[in-house]
């Protein structure tokens, strides 16, 4: 992406991410209307993300990050299960009863709800 003004680049990247997210929800809705289970879609989505991002993480981050210990690995697995997998499964399950545009709006509000809960719970 070549942008003449470097100040506009973060906004354009954010816009691209939002369009990509909306496109993914539309693609997921189409796949589930054709009979795909939301569990299977979640597995495929995470598998594709793993295969796409793991070479970058391996080659670019291997000398920067600390060694993988059992404690760090267990925290990563717990976070992956509770945040990523459950979040995607519940979102796609809810999309069966609503629309892709509603899900996109609700998923974008999740960080603000998390912030409000963090302030309330200290």
PDB file of N, CA and C in Angstrom:
ATOM      1  N   UNK A   1       0.843  -1.164   0.000  1.00  0.00           N
ATOM      2  CA  UNK A   1       0.000   0.000   0.000  1.00  0.00           C
ATOM      3  C   UNK A   1       0.894   1.234   0.000  1.00  0.00           C
ATOM      4  N   UNK A   2       0.796   2.012  -1.019  1.00  0.00           N
ATOM      5  CA  UNK A   2       1.598   3.218  -1.128  1.00  0.00           C
ATOM      6  C   UNK A   2       0.694   4.408  -0.827  1.00  0.00           C
ATOM      7  N   UNK A   3       1.036   5.122   0.216  1.00  0.00           N
ATOM      8  CA  UNK A   3       0.274   6.287   0.619  1.00  0.00           C
ATOM      9  C   UNK A   3       1.218   7.471   0.637  1.00  0.00           C
ATOM     10  N   UNK A   4       0.821   8.548  -0.005  1.00  0.00           N
ATOM     11  CA  UNK A   4       1.685   9.722  -0.066  1.00  0.00           C
ATOM     12  C   UNK A   4       1.834  10.364   1.301  1.00  0.00           C
ATOM     13  N   UNK A   5       0.778  10.380   2.086  1.00  0.00           N
ATOM     14  CA  UNK A   5       0.807  11.016   3.390  1.00  0.00           C
ATOM     15  C   UNK A   5       0.850   9.934   4.470  1.00  0.00           C
ATOM     16  N   UNK A   6       1.929   9.880   5.245  1.00  0.00           N
ATOM     17  CA  UNK A   6       2.093   8.840   6.275  1.00  0.00           C
ATOM     18  C   UNK A   6       1.078   8.990   7.403  1.00  0.00           C
ATOM     19  N   UNK A   7       0.508  10.187   7.573  1.00  0.00           N
ATOM     20  CA  UNK A   7      -0.475  10.383   8.635  1.00  0.00           C
ATOM     21  C   UNK A   7      -1.788   9.683   8.333  1.00  0.00           C
ATOM     22  N   UNK A   8      -2.088   9.446   7.072  1.00  0.00           N
ATOM     23  CA  UNK A   8      -3.343   8.793   6.682  1.00  0.00           C
ATOM     24  C   UNK A   8      -3.244   7.275   6.697  1.00  0.00           C
ATOM     25  N   UNK A   9      -2.059   6.760   6.722  1.00  0.00           N
ATOM     26  CA  UNK A   9      -1.873   5.316   6.604  1.00  0.00           C
ATOM     27  C   UNK A   9      -2.549   4.522   7.726  1.00  0.00           C
ATOM     28  N   UNK A  10      -2.453   4.899   9.009  1.00  0.00           N
ATOM     29  CA  UNK A  10      -3.147   4.112  10.042  1.00  0.00           C
ATOM     30  C   UNK A  10      -4.660   4.077   9.851  1.00  0.00           C
ATOM     31  N   UNK A  11      -5.227   5.186   9.390  1.00  0.00           N
ATOM     32  CA  UNK A  11      -6.674   5.225   9.179  1.00  0.00           C
ATOM     33  C   UNK A  11      -7.089   4.324   8.017  1.00  0.00           C
ATOM     34  N   UNK A  12      -6.284   4.311   6.977  1.00  0.00           N
ATOM     35  CA  UNK A  12      -6.587   3.436   5.846  1.00  0.00           C
ATOM     36  C   UNK A  12      -6.430   1.965   6.208  1.00  0.00           C
ATOM     37  N   UNK A  13      -5.435   1.660   7.029  1.00  0.00           N
ATOM     38  CA  UNK A  13      -5.262   0.281   7.485  1.00  0.00           C
ATOM     39  C   UNK A  13      -6.419  -0.153   8.386  1.00  0.00           C
ATOM     40  N   UNK A  14      -6.866   0.747   9.265  1.00  0.00           N
ATOM     41  CA  UNK A  14      -8.010   0.443  10.110  1.00  0.00           C
ATOM     42  C   UNK A  14      -9.259   0.209   9.275  1.00  0.00           C
ATOM     43  N   UNK A  15      -9.432   1.008   8.261  1.00  0.00           N
ATOM     44  CA  UNK A  15     -10.566   0.834   7.357  1.00  0.00           C
ATOM     45  C   UNK A  15     -10.489  -0.509   6.632  1.00  0.00           C
ATOM     46  N   UNK A  16      -9.287  -0.895   6.207  1.00  0.00           N
ATOM     47  CA  UNK A  16      -9.110  -2.184   5.537  1.00  0.00           C
ATOM     48  C   UNK A  16      -9.422  -3.345   6.480  1.00  0.00           C
ATOM     49  N   UNK A  17      -9.020  -3.227   7.735  1.00  0.00           N
ATOM     50  CA  UNK A  17      -9.314  -4.281   8.710  1.00  0.00           C
ATOM     51  C   UNK A  17     -10.819  -4.397   8.937  1.00  0.00           C
ATOM     52  N   UNK A  18     -11.517  -3.271   9.024  1.00  0.00           N
ATOM     53  CA  UNK A  18     -12.960  -3.305   9.240  1.00  0.00           C
ATOM     54  C   UNK A  18     -13.692  -3.912   8.039  1.00  0.00           C
ATOM     55  N   UNK A  19     -13.252  -3.573   6.843  1.00  0.00           N
ATOM     56  CA  UNK A  19     -13.858  -4.190   5.657  1.00  0.00           C
ATOM     57  C   UNK A  19     -13.562  -5.691   5.608  1.00  0.00           C
ATOM     58  N   UNK A  20     -12.352  -6.081   5.990  1.00  0.00           N
ATOM     59  CA  UNK A  20     -12.012  -7.503   6.044  1.00  0.00           C
ATOM     60  C   UNK A  20     -12.846  -8.253   7.063  1.00  0.00           C
ATOM     61  N   UNK A  21     -13.059  -7.633   8.202  1.00  0.00           N
ATOM     62  CA  UNK A  21     -13.883  -8.254   9.243  1.00  0.00           C
ATOM     63  C   UNK A  21     -15.327  -8.405   8.779  1.00  0.00           C
ATOM     64  N   UNK A  22     -15.871  -7.375   8.176  1.00  0.00           N
ATOM     65  CA  UNK A  22     -17.241  -7.460   7.665  1.00  0.00           C
ATOM     66  C   UNK A  22     -17.347  -8.507   6.568  1.00  0.00           C
ATOM     67  N   UNK A  23     -16.343  -8.573   5.704  1.00  0.00           N
ATOM     68  CA  UNK A  23     -16.339  -9.598   4.655  1.00  0.00           C
ATOM     69  C   UNK A  23     -16.286 -11.000   5.224  1.00  0.00           C
ATOM     70  N   UNK A  24     -15.515 -11.181   6.301  1.00  0.00           N
ATOM     71  CA  UNK A  24     -15.443 -12.503   6.929  1.00  0.00           C
ATOM     72  C   UNK A  24     -16.794 -12.895   7.507  1.00  0.00           C
ATOM     73  N   UNK A  25     -17.506 -11.949   8.115  1.00  0.00           N
ATOM     74  CA  UNK A  25     -18.825 -12.267   8.670  1.00  0.00           C
ATOM     75  C   UNK A  25     -19.816 -12.621   7.563  1.00  0.00           C
ATOM     76  N   UNK A  26     -19.747 -11.927   6.458  1.00  0.00           N
ATOM     77  CA  UNK A  26     -20.626 -12.255   5.327  1.00  0.00           C
ATOM     78  C   UNK A  26     -20.290 -13.631   4.773  1.00  0.00           C
ATOM     79  N   UNK A  27     -18.991 -13.918   4.647  1.00  0.00           N
ATOM     80  CA  UNK A  27     -18.552 -15.234   4.172  1.00  0.00           C
ATOM     81  C   UNK A  27     -19.006 -16.339   5.145  1.00  0.00           C
ATOM     82  N   UNK A  28     -18.893 -16.081   6.439  1.00  0.00           N
ATOM     83  CA  UNK A  28     -19.318 -17.071   7.440  1.00  0.00           C
ATOM     84  C   UNK A  28     -20.817 -17.303   7.370  1.00  0.00           C
ATOM     85  N   UNK A  29     -21.577 -16.228   7.204  1.00  0.00           N
ATOM     86  CA  UNK A  29     -23.030 -16.367   7.119  1.00  0.00           C
ATOM     87  C   UNK A  29     -23.424 -17.203   5.905  1.00  0.00           C
ATOM     88  N   UNK A  30     -22.756 -16.972   4.789  1.00  0.00           N
ATOM     89  CA  UNK A  30     -23.037 -17.749   3.584  1.00  0.00           C
ATOM     90  C   UNK A  30     -22.683 -19.223   3.786  1.00  0.00           C
ATOM     91  N   UNK A  31     -21.556 -19.480   4.417  1.00  0.00           N
ATOM     92  CA  UNK A  31     -21.143 -20.868   4.652  1.00  0.00           C
ATOM     93  C   UNK A  31     -22.121 -21.576   5.576  1.00  0.00           C
ATOM     94  N   UNK A  32     -22.598 -20.891   6.602  1.00  0.00           N
ATOM     95  CA  UNK A  32     -23.529 -21.541   7.527  1.00  0.00           C
ATOM     96  C   UNK A  32     -24.913 -21.715   6.925  1.00  0.00           C
ATOM     97  N   UNK A  33     -25.311 -20.807   6.037  1.00  0.00           N
ATOM     98  CA  UNK A  33     -26.600 -20.999   5.353  1.00  0.00           C
ATOM     99  C   UNK A  33     -26.563 -22.195   4.418  1.00  0.00           C
ATOM    100  N   UNK A  34     -25.361 -22.533   3.926  1.00  0.00           N
ATOM    101  CA  UNK A  34     -25.225 -23.693   3.054  1.00  0.00           C
ATOM    102  C   UNK A  34     -25.026 -24.987   3.831  1.00  0.00           C
ATOM    103  N   UNK A  35     -25.052 -24.914   5.176  1.00  0.00           N
ATOM    104  CA  UNK A  35     -25.031 -26.123   5.973  1.00  0.00           C
ATOM    105  C   UNK A  35     -23.785 -26.377   6.799  1.00  0.00           C
ATOM    106  N   UNK A  36     -22.810 -25.504   6.756  1.00  0.00           N
ATOM    107  CA  UNK A  36     -21.599 -25.729   7.547  1.00  0.00           C
ATOM    108  C   UNK A  36     -21.872 -25.422   9.021  1.00  0.00           C
ATOM    109  N   UNK A  37     -21.369 -26.268   9.881  1.00  0.00           N
ATOM    110  CA  UNK A  37     -21.500 -26.061  11.319  1.00  0.00           C
ATOM    111  C   UNK A  37     -20.604 -24.905  11.752  1.00  0.00           C
ATOM    112  N   UNK A  38     -21.058 -24.145  12.744  1.00  0.00           N
ATOM    113  CA  UNK A  38     -20.226 -23.041  13.216  1.00  0.00           C
ATOM    114  C   UNK A  38     -18.990 -23.545  13.947  1.00  0.00           C
ATOM    115  N   UNK A  39     -19.037 -24.760  14.476  1.00  0.00           N
ATOM    116  CA  UNK A  39     -17.847 -25.353  15.107  1.00  0.00           C
ATOM    117  C   UNK A  39     -16.779 -25.665  14.043  1.00  0.00           C
ATOM    118  N   UNK A  40     -17.218 -26.242  12.931  1.00  0.00           N
ATOM    119  CA  UNK A  40     -16.292 -26.576  11.850  1.00  0.00           C
ATOM    120  C   UNK A  40     -15.700 -25.302  11.247  1.00  0.00           C
ATOM    121  N   UNK A  41     -16.529 -24.284  11.082  1.00  0.00           N
ATOM    122  CA  UNK A  41     -16.038 -23.023  10.533  1.00  0.00           C
ATOM    123  C   UNK A  41     -14.985 -22.404  11.454  1.00  0.00           C
ATOM    124  N   UNK A  42     -15.197 -22.485  12.757  1.00  0.00           N
ATOM    125  CA  UNK A  42     -14.220 -21.960  13.720  1.00  0.00           C
ATOM    126  C   UNK A  42     -12.899 -22.705  13.623  1.00  0.00           C
ATOM    127  N   UNK A  43     -12.958 -24.025  13.478  1.00  0.00           N
ATOM    128  CA  UNK A  43     -11.730 -24.811  13.350  1.00  0.00           C
ATOM    129  C   UNK A  43     -10.986 -24.437  12.070  1.00  0.00           C
ATOM    130  N   UNK A  44     -11.693 -24.349  10.961  1.00  0.00           N
ATOM    131  CA  UNK A  44     -11.047 -23.973   9.696  1.00  0.00           C
ATOM    132  C   UNK A  44     -10.449 -22.572   9.772  1.00  0.00           C
ATOM    133  N   UNK A  45     -11.180 -21.651  10.363  1.00  0.00           N
ATOM    134  CA  UNK A  45     -10.700 -20.273  10.460  1.00  0.00           C
ATOM    135  C   UNK A  45      -9.414 -20.192  11.279  1.00  0.00           C
ATOM    136  N   UNK A  46      -9.389 -20.883  12.417  1.00  0.00           N
ATOM    137  CA  UNK A  46      -8.191 -20.862  13.259  1.00  0.00           C
ATOM    138  C   UNK A  46      -7.037 -21.630  12.636  1.00  0.00           C
ATOM    139  N   UNK A  47      -7.338 -22.688  11.911  1.00  0.00           N
ATOM    140  CA  UNK A  47      -6.283 -23.443  11.240  1.00  0.00           C
ATOM    141  C   UNK A  47      -5.633 -22.613  10.124  1.00  0.00           C
ATOM    142  N   UNK A  48      -6.444 -21.915   9.367  1.00  0.00           N
ATOM    143  CA  UNK A  48      -5.900 -21.059   8.312  1.00  0.00           C
ATOM    144  C   UNK A  48      -5.075 -19.921   8.922  1.00  0.00           C
ATOM    145  N   UNK A  49      -5.558 -19.344  10.015  1.00  0.00           N
ATOM    146  CA  UNK A  49      -4.800 -18.279  10.685  1.00  0.00           C
ATOM    147  C   UNK A  49      -3.473 -18.805  11.214  1.00  0.00           C
ATOM    148  N   UNK A  50      -3.485 -20.006  11.793  1.00  0.00           N
ATOM    149  CA  UNK A  50      -2.249 -20.602  12.303  1.00  0.00           C
ATOM    150  C   UNK A  50      -1.242 -20.843  11.177  1.00  0.00           C
ATOM    151  N   UNK A  51      -1.710 -21.435  10.085  1.00  0.00           N
ATOM    152  CA  UNK A  51      -0.806 -21.739   8.979  1.00  0.00           C
ATOM    153  C   UNK A  51      -0.281 -20.468   8.304  1.00  0.00           C
ATOM    154  N   UNK A  52      -1.061 -19.408   8.326  1.00  0.00           N
ATOM    155  CA  UNK A  52      -0.637 -18.159   7.707  1.00  0.00           C
ATOM    156  C   UNK A  52       0.341 -17.381   8.580  1.00  0.00           C
ATOM    157  N   UNK A  53       0.074 -17.327   9.878  1.00  0.00           N
ATOM    158  CA  UNK A  53       0.862 -16.474  10.764  1.00  0.00           C
ATOM    159  C   UNK A  53       2.053 -17.149  11.424  1.00  0.00           C
ATOM    160  N   UNK A  54       2.031 -18.467  11.559  1.00  0.00           N
ATOM    161  CA  UNK A  54       3.119 -19.142  12.283  1.00  0.00           C
ATOM    162  C   UNK A  54       4.495 -18.988  11.619  1.00  0.00           C
ATOM    163  N   UNK A  55       4.636 -19.004  10.303  1.00  0.00           N
ATOM    164  CA  UNK A  55       5.986 -18.774   9.751  1.00  0.00           C
ATOM    165  C   UNK A  55       6.535 -17.391  10.096  1.00  0.00           C
ATOM    166  N   UNK A  56       5.674 -16.380  10.064  1.00  0.00           N
ATOM    167  CA  UNK A  56       6.129 -15.039  10.435  1.00  0.00           C
ATOM    168  C   UNK A  56       6.555 -14.995  11.893  1.00  0.00           C
ATOM    169  N   UNK A  57       5.756 -15.600  12.761  1.00  0.00           N
ATOM    170  CA  UNK A  57       6.090 -15.607  14.185  1.00  0.00           C
ATOM    171  C   UNK A  57       7.375 -16.393  14.436  1.00  0.00           C
ATOM    172  N   UNK A  58       7.555 -17.495  13.724  1.00  0.00           N
ATOM    173  CA  UNK A  58       8.734 -18.319  13.948  1.00  0.00           C
ATOM    174  C   UNK A  58      10.007 -17.603  13.517  1.00  0.00           C
ATOM    175  N   UNK A  59       9.993 -17.018  12.334  1.00  0.00           N
ATOM    176  CA  UNK A  59      11.218 -16.427  11.810  1.00  0.00           C
ATOM    177  C   UNK A  59      11.473 -15.005  12.316  1.00  0.00           C
ATOM    178  N   UNK A  60      10.436 -14.241  12.564  1.00  0.00           N
ATOM    179  CA  UNK A  60      10.643 -12.853  12.961  1.00  0.00           C
ATOM    180  C   UNK A  60      10.715 -12.652  14.474  1.00  0.00           C
ATOM    181  N   UNK A  61      10.129 -13.552  15.256  1.00  0.00           N
ATOM    182  CA  UNK A  61      10.037 -13.349  16.689  1.00  0.00           C
ATOM    183  C   UNK A  61      10.853 -14.335  17.520  1.00  0.00           C
ATOM    184  N   UNK A  62      11.516 -15.268  16.918  1.00  0.00           N
ATOM    185  CA  UNK A  62      12.144 -16.323  17.708  1.00  0.00           C
ATOM    186  C   UNK A  62      13.308 -15.838  18.556  1.00  0.00           C
ATOM    187  N   UNK A  63      13.998 -14.776  18.166  1.00  0.00           N
ATOM    188  CA  UNK A  63      15.110 -14.275  18.967  1.00  0.00           C
ATOM    189  C   UNK A  63      14.688 -13.152  19.901  1.00  0.00           C
ATOM    190  N   UNK A  64      13.489 -12.658  19.729  1.00  0.00           N
ATOM    191  CA  UNK A  64      13.006 -11.548  20.539  1.00  0.00           C
ATOM    192  C   UNK A  64      12.260 -12.046  21.769  1.00  0.00           C
ATOM    193  N   UNK A  65      11.502 -13.081  21.621  1.00  0.00           N
ATOM    194  CA  UNK A  65      10.640 -13.588  22.688  1.00  0.00           C
ATOM    195  C   UNK A  65      11.413 -14.499  23.638  1.00  0.00           C
ATOM    196  N   UNK A  66      10.933 -14.587  24.914  1.00  0.00           N
ATOM    197  CA  UNK A  66      11.562 -15.518  25.856  1.00  0.00           C
ATOM    198  C   UNK A  66      11.225 -16.964  25.493  1.00  0.00           C
ATOM    199  N   UNK A  67      11.930 -17.887  26.097  1.00  0.00           N
ATOM    200  CA  UNK A  67      11.695 -19.315  25.842  1.00  0.00           C
ATOM    201  C   UNK A  67      10.302 -19.721  26.317  1.00  0.00           C
ATOM    202  N   UNK A  68       9.749 -20.698  25.625  1.00  0.00           N
ATOM    203  CA  UNK A  68       8.420 -21.202  25.968  1.00  0.00           C
ATOM    204  C   UNK A  68       8.526 -22.146  27.155  1.00  0.00           C
ATOM    205  N   UNK A  69       7.857 -21.789  28.228  1.00  0.00           N
ATOM    206  CA  UNK A  69       7.824 -22.649  29.409  1.00  0.00           C
ATOM    207  C   UNK A  69       6.439 -23.269  29.526  1.00  0.00           C
ATOM    208  N   UNK A  70       6.302 -24.218  30.453  1.00  0.00           N
ATOM    209  CA  UNK A  70       5.009 -24.870  30.643  1.00  0.00           C
ATOM    210  C   UNK A  70       3.972 -23.862  31.124  1.00  0.00           C
ATOM    211  N   UNK A  71       4.377 -22.953  31.989  1.00  0.00           N
ATOM    212  CA  UNK A  71       3.449 -21.938  32.490  1.00  0.00           C
ATOM    213  C   UNK A  71       2.962 -20.999  31.397  1.00  0.00           C
ATOM    214  N   UNK A  72       3.876 -20.532  30.583  1.00  0.00           N
ATOM    215  CA  UNK A  72       3.498 -19.639  29.481  1.00  0.00           C
ATOM    216  C   UNK A  72       2.625 -20.382  28.480  1.00  0.00           C
ATOM    217  N   UNK A  73       2.977 -21.616  28.175  1.00  0.00           N
ATOM    218  CA  UNK A  73       2.184 -22.407  27.233  1.00  0.00           C
ATOM    219  C   UNK A  73       0.766 -22.631  27.754  1.00  0.00           C
ATOM    220  N   UNK A  74       0.627 -22.942  29.055  1.00  0.00           N
ATOM    221  CA  UNK A  74      -0.710 -23.176  29.616  1.00  0.00           C
ATOM    222  C   UNK A  74      -1.534 -21.887  29.622  1.00  0.00           C
ATOM    223  N   UNK A  75      -0.903 -20.742  29.872  1.00  0.00           N
ATOM    224  CA  UNK A  75      -1.630 -19.475  29.807  1.00  0.00           C
ATOM    225  C   UNK A  75      -2.088 -19.169  28.392  1.00  0.00           C
ATOM    226  N   UNK A  76      -1.249 -19.445  27.413  1.00  0.00           N
ATOM    227  CA  UNK A  76      -1.623 -19.223  26.011  1.00  0.00           C
ATOM    228  C   UNK A  76      -2.784 -20.129  25.621  1.00  0.00           C
ATOM    229  N   UNK A  77      -2.741 -21.388  26.042  1.00  0.00           N
ATOM    230  CA  UNK A  77      -3.829 -22.312  25.710  1.00  0.00           C
ATOM    231  C   UNK A  77      -5.134 -21.921  26.389  1.00  0.00           C
ATOM    232  N   UNK A  78      -5.060 -21.476  27.645  1.00  0.00           N
ATOM    233  CA  UNK A  78      -6.276 -21.037  28.347  1.00  0.00           C
ATOM    234  C   UNK A  78      -6.868 -19.806  27.671  1.00  0.00           C
ATOM    235  N   UNK A  79      -6.017 -18.849  27.325  1.00  0.00           N
ATOM    236  CA  UNK A  79      -6.495 -17.648  26.646  1.00  0.00           C
ATOM    237  C   UNK A  79      -7.076 -17.995  25.279  1.00  0.00           C
ATOM    238  N   UNK A  80      -6.429 -18.897  24.556  1.00  0.00           N
ATOM    239  CA  UNK A  80      -6.925 -19.293  23.234  1.00  0.00           C
ATOM    240  C   UNK A  80      -8.297 -19.950  23.351  1.00  0.00           C
ATOM    241  N   UNK A  81      -8.478 -20.776  24.370  1.00  0.00           N
ATOM    242  CA  UNK A  81      -9.770 -21.450  24.510  1.00  0.00           C
ATOM    243  C   UNK A  81     -10.856 -20.477  24.944  1.00  0.00           C
ATOM    244  N   UNK A  82     -10.595 -19.723  25.990  1.00  0.00           N
ATOM    245  CA  UNK A  82     -11.653 -18.877  26.542  1.00  0.00           C
ATOM    246  C   UNK A  82     -11.932 -17.637  25.708  1.00  0.00           C
ATOM    247  N   UNK A  83     -10.942 -17.070  25.096  1.00  0.00           N
ATOM    248  CA  UNK A  83     -11.183 -15.849  24.328  1.00  0.00           C
ATOM    249  C   UNK A  83     -11.495 -16.154  22.874  1.00  0.00           C
ATOM    250  N   UNK A  84     -10.599 -16.787  22.198  1.00  0.00           N
ATOM    251  CA  UNK A  84     -10.726 -16.903  20.756  1.00  0.00           C
ATOM    252  C   UNK A  84     -11.785 -17.933  20.362  1.00  0.00           C
ATOM    253  N   UNK A  85     -11.664 -19.133  20.865  1.00  0.00           N
ATOM    254  CA  UNK A  85     -12.557 -20.203  20.410  1.00  0.00           C
ATOM    255  C   UNK A  85     -13.983 -19.981  20.898  1.00  0.00           C
ATOM    256  N   UNK A  86     -14.165 -19.702  22.195  1.00  0.00           N
ATOM    257  CA  UNK A  86     -15.523 -19.480  22.691  1.00  0.00           C
ATOM    258  C   UNK A  86     -16.141 -18.229  22.087  1.00  0.00           C
ATOM    259  N   UNK A  87     -15.343 -17.178  21.921  1.00  0.00           N
ATOM    260  CA  UNK A  87     -15.844 -15.948  21.311  1.00  0.00           C
ATOM    261  C   UNK A  87     -16.334 -16.209  19.890  1.00  0.00           C
ATOM    262  N   UNK A  88     -15.553 -16.922  19.107  1.00  0.00           N
ATOM    263  CA  UNK A  88     -15.949 -17.206  17.726  1.00  0.00           C
ATOM    264  C   UNK A  88     -17.149 -18.138  17.675  1.00  0.00           C
ATOM    265  N   UNK A  89     -17.171 -19.149  18.513  1.00  0.00           N
ATOM    266  CA  UNK A  89     -18.300 -20.092  18.494  1.00  0.00           C
ATOM    267  C   UNK A  89     -19.605 -19.403  18.879  1.00  0.00           C
ATOM    268  N   UNK A  90     -19.572 -18.590  19.943  1.00  0.00           N
ATOM    269  CA  UNK A  90     -20.791 -17.896  20.350  1.00  0.00           C
ATOM    270  C   UNK A  90     -21.208 -16.844  19.332  1.00  0.00           C
ATOM    271  N   UNK A  91     -20.234 -16.154  18.729  1.00  0.00           N
ATOM    272  CA  UNK A  91     -20.564 -15.147  17.719  1.00  0.00           C
ATOM    273  C   UNK A  91     -21.211 -15.803  16.499  1.00  0.00           C
ATOM    274  N   UNK A  92     -20.643 -16.889  16.042  1.00  0.00           N
ATOM    275  CA  UNK A  92     -21.207 -17.556  14.863  1.00  0.00           C
ATOM    276  C   UNK A  92     -22.538 -18.231  15.185  1.00  0.00           C
ATOM    277  N   UNK A  93     -22.693 -18.713  16.407  1.00  0.00           N
ATOM    278  CA  UNK A  93     -23.978 -19.277  16.814  1.00  0.00           C
ATOM    279  C   UNK A  93     -25.043 -18.187  16.847  1.00  0.00           C
ATOM    280  N   UNK A  94     -24.679 -17.017  17.356  1.00  0.00           N
ATOM    281  CA  UNK A  94     -25.623 -15.904  17.372  1.00  0.00           C
ATOM    282  C   UNK A  94     -25.955 -15.406  15.981  1.00  0.00           C
ATOM    283  N   UNK A  95     -25.007 -15.531  15.064  1.00  0.00           N
ATOM    284  CA  UNK A  95     -25.246 -15.069  13.703  1.00  0.00           C
ATOM    285  C   UNK A  95     -26.297 -15.934  13.004  1.00  0.00           C
ATOM    286  N   UNK A  96     -26.487 -17.159  13.465  1.00  0.00           N
ATOM    287  CA  UNK A  96     -27.546 -17.991  12.878  1.00  0.00           C
ATOM    288  C   UNK A  96     -28.919 -17.377  13.116  1.00  0.00           C
ATOM    289  N   UNK A  97     -29.058 -16.628  14.225  1.00  0.00           N
ATOM    290  CA  UNK A  97     -30.353 -16.066  14.595  1.00  0.00           C
ATOM    291  C   UNK A  97     -30.495 -14.586  14.240  1.00  0.00           C
ATOM    292  N   UNK A  98     -29.406 -13.940  13.826  1.00  0.00           N
ATOM    293  CA  UNK A  98     -29.462 -12.527  13.449  1.00  0.00           C
ATOM    294  C   UNK A  98     -28.858 -12.370  12.057  1.00  0.00           C
ATOM    295  N   UNK A  99     -28.125 -11.293  11.836  1.00  0.00           N
ATOM    296  CA  UNK A  99     -27.513 -11.066  10.532  1.00  0.00           C
ATOM    297  C   UNK A  99     -26.021 -10.796  10.693  1.00  0.00           C
ATOM    298  N   UNK A 100     -25.320 -10.808   9.573  1.00  0.00           N
ATOM    299  CA  UNK A 100     -23.883 -10.549   9.598  1.00  0.00           C
ATOM    300  C   UNK A 100     -23.591  -9.105   9.981  1.00  0.00           C
ATOM    301  N   UNK A 101     -24.433  -8.180   9.579  1.00  0.00           N
ATOM    302  CA  UNK A 101     -24.206  -6.773   9.936  1.00  0.00           C
ATOM    303  C   UNK A 101     -24.413  -6.547  11.430  1.00  0.00           C
ATOM    304  N   UNK A 102     -25.399  -7.208  12.026  1.00  0.00           N
ATOM    305  CA  UNK A 102     -25.606  -7.088  13.475  1.00  0.00           C
ATOM    306  C   UNK A 102     -24.413  -7.662  14.230  1.00  0.00           C
ATOM    307  N   UNK A 103     -23.922  -8.812  13.798  1.00  0.00           N
ATOM    308  CA  UNK A 103     -22.770  -9.424  14.456  1.00  0.00           C
ATOM    309  C   UNK A 103     -21.542  -8.543  14.336  1.00  0.00           C
ATOM    310  N   UNK A 104     -21.337  -7.942  13.189  1.00  0.00           N
ATOM    311  CA  UNK A 104     -20.194  -7.045  13.001  1.00  0.00           C
ATOM    312  C   UNK A 104     -20.270  -5.864  13.959  1.00  0.00           C
ATOM    313  N   UNK A 105     -21.449  -5.301  14.141  1.00  0.00           N
ATOM    314  CA  UNK A 105     -21.615  -4.172  15.066  1.00  0.00           C
ATOM    315  C   UNK A 105     -21.395  -4.604  16.510  1.00  0.00           C
ATOM    316  N   UNK A 106     -21.903  -5.761  16.886  1.00  0.00           N
ATOM    317  CA  UNK A 106     -21.747  -6.244  18.260  1.00  0.00           C
ATOM    318  C   UNK A 106     -20.290  -6.585  18.549  1.00  0.00           C
ATOM    319  N   UNK A 107     -19.603  -7.205  17.606  1.00  0.00           N
ATOM    320  CA  UNK A 107     -18.199  -7.571  17.827  1.00  0.00           C
ATOM    321  C   UNK A 107     -17.319  -6.333  17.953  1.00  0.00           C
ATOM    322  N   UNK A 108     -17.664  -5.250  17.276  1.00  0.00           N
ATOM    323  CA  UNK A 108     -16.902  -4.024  17.402  1.00  0.00           C
ATOM    324  C   UNK A 108     -17.143  -3.329  18.735  1.00  0.00           C
ATOM    325  N   UNK A 109     -18.238  -3.651  19.405  1.00  0.00           N
ATOM    326  CA  UNK A 109     -18.502  -3.052  20.714  1.00  0.00           C
ATOM    327  C   UNK A 109     -17.876  -3.842  21.856  1.00  0.00           C
ATOM    328  N   UNK A 110     -17.322  -5.000  21.595  1.00  0.00           N
ATOM    329  CA  UNK A 110     -16.754  -5.841  22.653  1.00  0.00           C
ATOM    330  C   UNK A 110     -15.616  -5.162  23.426  1.00  0.00           C
ATOM    331  N   UNK A 111     -14.679  -4.453  22.785  1.00  0.00           N
ATOM    332  CA  UNK A 111     -13.637  -3.779  23.572  1.00  0.00           C
ATOM    333  C   UNK A 111     -14.176  -2.718  24.519  1.00  0.00           C
ATOM    334  N   UNK A 112     -15.207  -1.993  24.110  1.00  0.00           N
ATOM    335  CA  UNK A 112     -15.760  -0.974  24.995  1.00  0.00           C
ATOM    336  C   UNK A 112     -16.483  -1.599  26.185  1.00  0.00           C
ATOM    337  N   UNK A 113     -17.175  -2.701  25.962  1.00  0.00           N
ATOM    338  CA  UNK A 113     -17.832  -3.402  27.071  1.00  0.00           C
ATOM    339  C   UNK A 113     -16.780  -3.967  28.031  1.00  0.00           C
ATOM    340  N   UNK A 114     -15.689  -4.488  27.494  1.00  0.00           N
ATOM    341  CA  UNK A 114     -14.604  -4.988  28.336  1.00  0.00           C
ATOM    342  C   UNK A 114     -14.011  -3.872  29.176  1.00  0.00           C
ATOM    343  N   UNK A 115     -13.826  -2.700  28.590  1.00  0.00           N
ATOM    344  CA  UNK A 115     -13.293  -1.564  29.338  1.00  0.00           C
ATOM    345  C   UNK A 115     -14.226  -1.145  30.457  1.00  0.00           C
ATOM    346  N   UNK A 116     -15.518  -1.066  30.200  1.00  0.00           N
ATOM    347  CA  UNK A 116     -16.494  -0.684  31.229  1.00  0.00           C
ATOM    348  C   UNK A 116     -16.498  -1.718  32.354  1.00  0.00           C
ATOM    349  N   UNK A 117     -16.446  -3.011  32.006  1.00  0.00           N
ATOM    350  CA  UNK A 117     -16.401  -4.047  33.037  1.00  0.00           C
ATOM    351  C   UNK A 117     -15.133  -3.955  33.869  1.00  0.00           C
ATOM    352  N   UNK A 118     -14.008  -3.644  33.237  1.00  0.00           N
ATOM    353  CA  UNK A 118     -12.750  -3.499  33.967  1.00  0.00           C
ATOM    354  C   UNK A 118     -12.796  -2.319  34.928  1.00  0.00           C
ATOM    355  N   UNK A 119     -13.437  -1.229  34.517  1.00  0.00           N
ATOM    356  CA  UNK A 119     -13.569  -0.064  35.403  1.00  0.00           C
ATOM    357  C   UNK A 119     -14.480  -0.395  36.580  1.00  0.00           C
ATOM    358  N   UNK A 120     -15.573  -1.078  36.318  1.00  0.00           N
ATOM    359  CA  UNK A 120     -16.515  -1.428  37.385  1.00  0.00           C
ATOM    360  C   UNK A 120     -15.884  -2.400  38.379  1.00  0.00           C
ATOM    361  N   UNK A 121     -15.192  -3.422  37.858  1.00  0.00           N
ATOM    362  CA  UNK A 121     -14.605  -4.466  38.719  1.00  0.00           C
ATOM    363  C   UNK A 121     -13.237  -4.113  39.263  1.00  0.00           C
ATOM    364  N   UNK A 122     -12.680  -3.018  38.815  1.00  0.00           N
ATOM    365  CA  UNK A 122     -11.347  -2.536  39.233  1.00  0.00           C
ATOM    366  C   UNK A 122     -10.297  -3.573  39.000  1.00  0.00           C
TER     367      UNK A 122
END
